[in-house]
Amino acid sequence: TYFNPLLHLAVMREYGNQIAEARQHPLTMRRYMWKLSY
């Protein structure tokens, strides 16, 4: 099956944004094990 890369990128970006909103944790914020408290 062929996926248009631009379409796939747009879909995955929107999916990530929805997950980030649902979890109240932006994708731009990183948490590292043993470095920050969760």
PDB file of N, CA and C in Angstrom:
ATOM      1  N   THR A   1       0.844  -1.180   0.000  1.00  0.00           N
ATOM      2  CA  THR A   1       0.000   0.000   0.000  1.00  0.00           C
ATOM      3  C   THR A   1       0.883   1.235   0.000  1.00  0.00           C
ATOM      4  N   TYR A   2       0.492   2.219  -0.763  1.00  0.00           N
ATOM      5  CA  TYR A   2       1.263   3.457  -0.882  1.00  0.00           C
ATOM      6  C   TYR A   2       0.605   4.553  -0.060  1.00  0.00           C
ATOM      7  N   PHE A   3       1.402   5.211   0.772  1.00  0.00           N
ATOM      8  CA  PHE A   3       0.915   6.345   1.546  1.00  0.00           C
ATOM      9  C   PHE A   3       1.623   7.595   1.064  1.00  0.00           C
ATOM     10  N   ASN A   4       0.868   8.636   0.841  1.00  0.00           N
ATOM     11  CA  ASN A   4       1.460   9.919   0.501  1.00  0.00           C
ATOM     12  C   ASN A   4       2.180  10.436   1.742  1.00  0.00           C
ATOM     13  N   PRO A   5       3.498  10.669   1.669  1.00  0.00           N
ATOM     14  CA  PRO A   5       4.246  11.095   2.856  1.00  0.00           C
ATOM     15  C   PRO A   5       3.721  12.391   3.478  1.00  0.00           C
ATOM     16  N   LEU A   6       3.295  13.331   2.664  1.00  0.00           N
ATOM     17  CA  LEU A   6       2.788  14.591   3.207  1.00  0.00           C
ATOM     18  C   LEU A   6       1.476  14.381   3.949  1.00  0.00           C
ATOM     19  N   LEU A   7       0.621  13.542   3.419  1.00  0.00           N
ATOM     20  CA  LEU A   7      -0.637  13.232   4.089  1.00  0.00           C
ATOM     21  C   LEU A   7      -0.368  12.485   5.395  1.00  0.00           C
ATOM     22  N   HIS A   8       0.539  11.535   5.347  1.00  0.00           N
ATOM     23  CA  HIS A   8       0.875  10.759   6.539  1.00  0.00           C
ATOM     24  C   HIS A   8       1.446  11.666   7.624  1.00  0.00           C
ATOM     25  N   LEU A   9       2.309  12.599   7.250  1.00  0.00           N
ATOM     26  CA  LEU A   9       2.891  13.542   8.206  1.00  0.00           C
ATOM     27  C   LEU A   9       1.803  14.386   8.863  1.00  0.00           C
ATOM     28  N   ALA A  10       0.874  14.882   8.070  1.00  0.00           N
ATOM     29  CA  ALA A  10      -0.201  15.721   8.604  1.00  0.00           C
ATOM     30  C   ALA A  10      -1.089  14.936   9.565  1.00  0.00           C
ATOM     31  N   VAL A  11      -1.403  13.706   9.213  1.00  0.00           N
ATOM     32  CA  VAL A  11      -2.255  12.876  10.067  1.00  0.00           C
ATOM     33  C   VAL A  11      -1.551  12.576  11.386  1.00  0.00           C
ATOM     34  N   MET A  12      -0.278  12.200  11.332  1.00  0.00           N
ATOM     35  CA  MET A  12       0.452  11.861  12.552  1.00  0.00           C
ATOM     36  C   MET A  12       0.682  13.089  13.430  1.00  0.00           C
ATOM     37  N   ARG A  13       0.877  14.251  12.828  1.00  0.00           N
ATOM     38  CA  ARG A  13       1.037  15.473  13.619  1.00  0.00           C
ATOM     39  C   ARG A  13      -0.248  15.799  14.367  1.00  0.00           C
ATOM     40  N   GLU A  14      -1.380  15.676  13.687  1.00  0.00           N
ATOM     41  CA  GLU A  14      -2.664  15.946  14.335  1.00  0.00           C
ATOM     42  C   GLU A  14      -2.945  14.917  15.430  1.00  0.00           C
ATOM     43  N   TYR A  15      -2.608  13.663  15.176  1.00  0.00           N
ATOM     44  CA  TYR A  15      -2.770  12.612  16.184  1.00  0.00           C
ATOM     45  C   TYR A  15      -1.936  12.936  17.425  1.00  0.00           C
ATOM     46  N   GLY A  16      -0.697  13.343  17.220  1.00  0.00           N
ATOM     47  CA  GLY A  16       0.173  13.715  18.333  1.00  0.00           C
ATOM     48  C   GLY A  16      -0.366  14.896  19.107  1.00  0.00           C
ATOM     49  N   ASN A  17      -0.904  15.873  18.400  1.00  0.00           N
ATOM     50  CA  ASN A  17      -1.488  17.040  19.072  1.00  0.00           C
ATOM     51  C   ASN A  17      -2.693  16.648  19.917  1.00  0.00           C
ATOM     52  N   GLN A  18      -3.512  15.756  19.410  1.00  0.00           N
ATOM     53  CA  GLN A  18      -4.684  15.307  20.161  1.00  0.00           C
ATOM     54  C   GLN A  18      -4.267  14.517  21.404  1.00  0.00           C
ATOM     55  N   ILE A  19      -3.262  13.668  21.279  1.00  0.00           N
ATOM     56  CA  ILE A  19      -2.754  12.909  22.428  1.00  0.00           C
ATOM     57  C   ILE A  19      -2.181  13.862  23.472  1.00  0.00           C
ATOM     58  N   ALA A  20      -1.406  14.845  23.019  1.00  0.00           N
ATOM     59  CA  ALA A  20      -0.801  15.814  23.939  1.00  0.00           C
ATOM     60  C   ALA A  20      -1.879  16.589  24.690  1.00  0.00           C
ATOM     61  N   GLU A  21      -2.925  16.978  23.992  1.00  0.00           N
ATOM     62  CA  GLU A  21      -4.017  17.720  24.630  1.00  0.00           C
ATOM     63  C   GLU A  21      -4.762  16.838  25.632  1.00  0.00           C
ATOM     64  N   ALA A  22      -4.999  15.593  25.273  1.00  0.00           N
ATOM     65  CA  ALA A  22      -5.723  14.687  26.163  1.00  0.00           C
ATOM     66  C   ALA A  22      -4.925  14.387  27.430  1.00  0.00           C
ATOM     67  N   ARG A  23      -3.612  14.315  27.304  1.00  0.00           N
ATOM     68  CA  ARG A  23      -2.768  13.983  28.458  1.00  0.00           C
ATOM     69  C   ARG A  23      -2.285  15.215  29.213  1.00  0.00           C
ATOM     70  N   GLN A  24      -2.617  16.403  28.714  1.00  0.00           N
ATOM     71  CA  GLN A  24      -2.180  17.651  29.355  1.00  0.00           C
ATOM     72  C   GLN A  24      -0.654  17.721  29.446  1.00  0.00           C
ATOM     73  N   HIS A  25       0.024  17.258  28.389  1.00  0.00           N
ATOM     74  CA  HIS A  25       1.489  17.253  28.367  1.00  0.00           C
ATOM     75  C   HIS A  25       1.944  17.549  26.939  1.00  0.00           C
ATOM     76  N   PRO A  26       2.482  18.742  26.693  1.00  0.00           N
ATOM     77  CA  PRO A  26       2.878  19.094  25.325  1.00  0.00           C
ATOM     78  C   PRO A  26       4.021  18.215  24.815  1.00  0.00           C
ATOM     79  N   LEU A  27       4.041  17.987  23.515  1.00  0.00           N
ATOM     80  CA  LEU A  27       5.084  17.163  22.918  1.00  0.00           C
ATOM     81  C   LEU A  27       6.446  17.843  22.963  1.00  0.00           C
ATOM     82  N   THR A  28       6.470  19.149  23.153  1.00  0.00           N
ATOM     83  CA  THR A  28       7.737  19.878  23.206  1.00  0.00           C
ATOM     84  C   THR A  28       8.429  19.721  24.551  1.00  0.00           C
ATOM     85  N   MET A  29       7.717  19.220  25.561  1.00  0.00           N
ATOM     86  CA  MET A  29       8.296  19.043  26.898  1.00  0.00           C
ATOM     87  C   MET A  29       8.848  17.626  27.037  1.00  0.00           C
ATOM     88  N   ARG A  30      10.103  17.527  27.433  1.00  0.00           N
ATOM     89  CA  ARG A  30      10.744  16.222  27.610  1.00  0.00           C
ATOM     90  C   ARG A  30      10.895  15.924  29.092  1.00  0.00           C
ATOM     91  N   ARG A  31      10.748  14.669  29.440  1.00  0.00           N
ATOM     92  CA  ARG A  31      10.988  14.217  30.807  1.00  0.00           C
ATOM     93  C   ARG A  31      11.993  13.079  30.742  1.00  0.00           C
ATOM     94  N   TYR A  32      13.039  13.206  31.519  1.00  0.00           N
ATOM     95  CA  TYR A  32      14.086  12.196  31.518  1.00  0.00           C
ATOM     96  C   TYR A  32      14.071  11.435  32.834  1.00  0.00           C
ATOM     97  N   MET A  33      14.172  10.131  32.735  1.00  0.00           N
ATOM     98  CA  MET A  33      14.137   9.279  33.915  1.00  0.00           C
ATOM     99  C   MET A  33      15.279   9.640  34.863  1.00  0.00           C
ATOM    100  N   TRP A  34      14.971   9.759  36.123  1.00  0.00           N
ATOM    101  CA  TRP A  34      15.889  10.084  37.213  1.00  0.00           C
ATOM    102  C   TRP A  34      16.422  11.515  37.150  1.00  0.00           C
ATOM    103  N   LYS A  35      15.926  12.350  36.234  1.00  0.00           N
ATOM    104  CA  LYS A  35      16.371  13.740  36.147  1.00  0.00           C
ATOM    105  C   LYS A  35      15.297  14.705  36.632  1.00  0.00           C
ATOM    106  N   LEU A  36      14.036  14.386  36.382  1.00  0.00           N
ATOM    107  CA  LEU A  36      12.910  15.226  36.788  1.00  0.00           C
ATOM    108  C   LEU A  36      11.897  14.381  37.533  1.00  0.00           C
ATOM    109  N   SER A  37      11.174  15.019  38.423  1.00  0.00           N
ATOM    110  CA  SER A  37      10.096  14.294  39.098  1.00  0.00           C
ATOM    111  C   SER A  37       8.882  14.237  38.181  1.00  0.00           C
ATOM    112  N   TYR A  38       8.200  13.131  38.213  1.00  0.00           N
ATOM    113  CA  TYR A  38       7.017  12.948  37.392  1.00  0.00           C
ATOM    114  C   TYR A  38       5.818  13.373  38.180  1.00  0.00           C
TER     115      TYR A  38
END
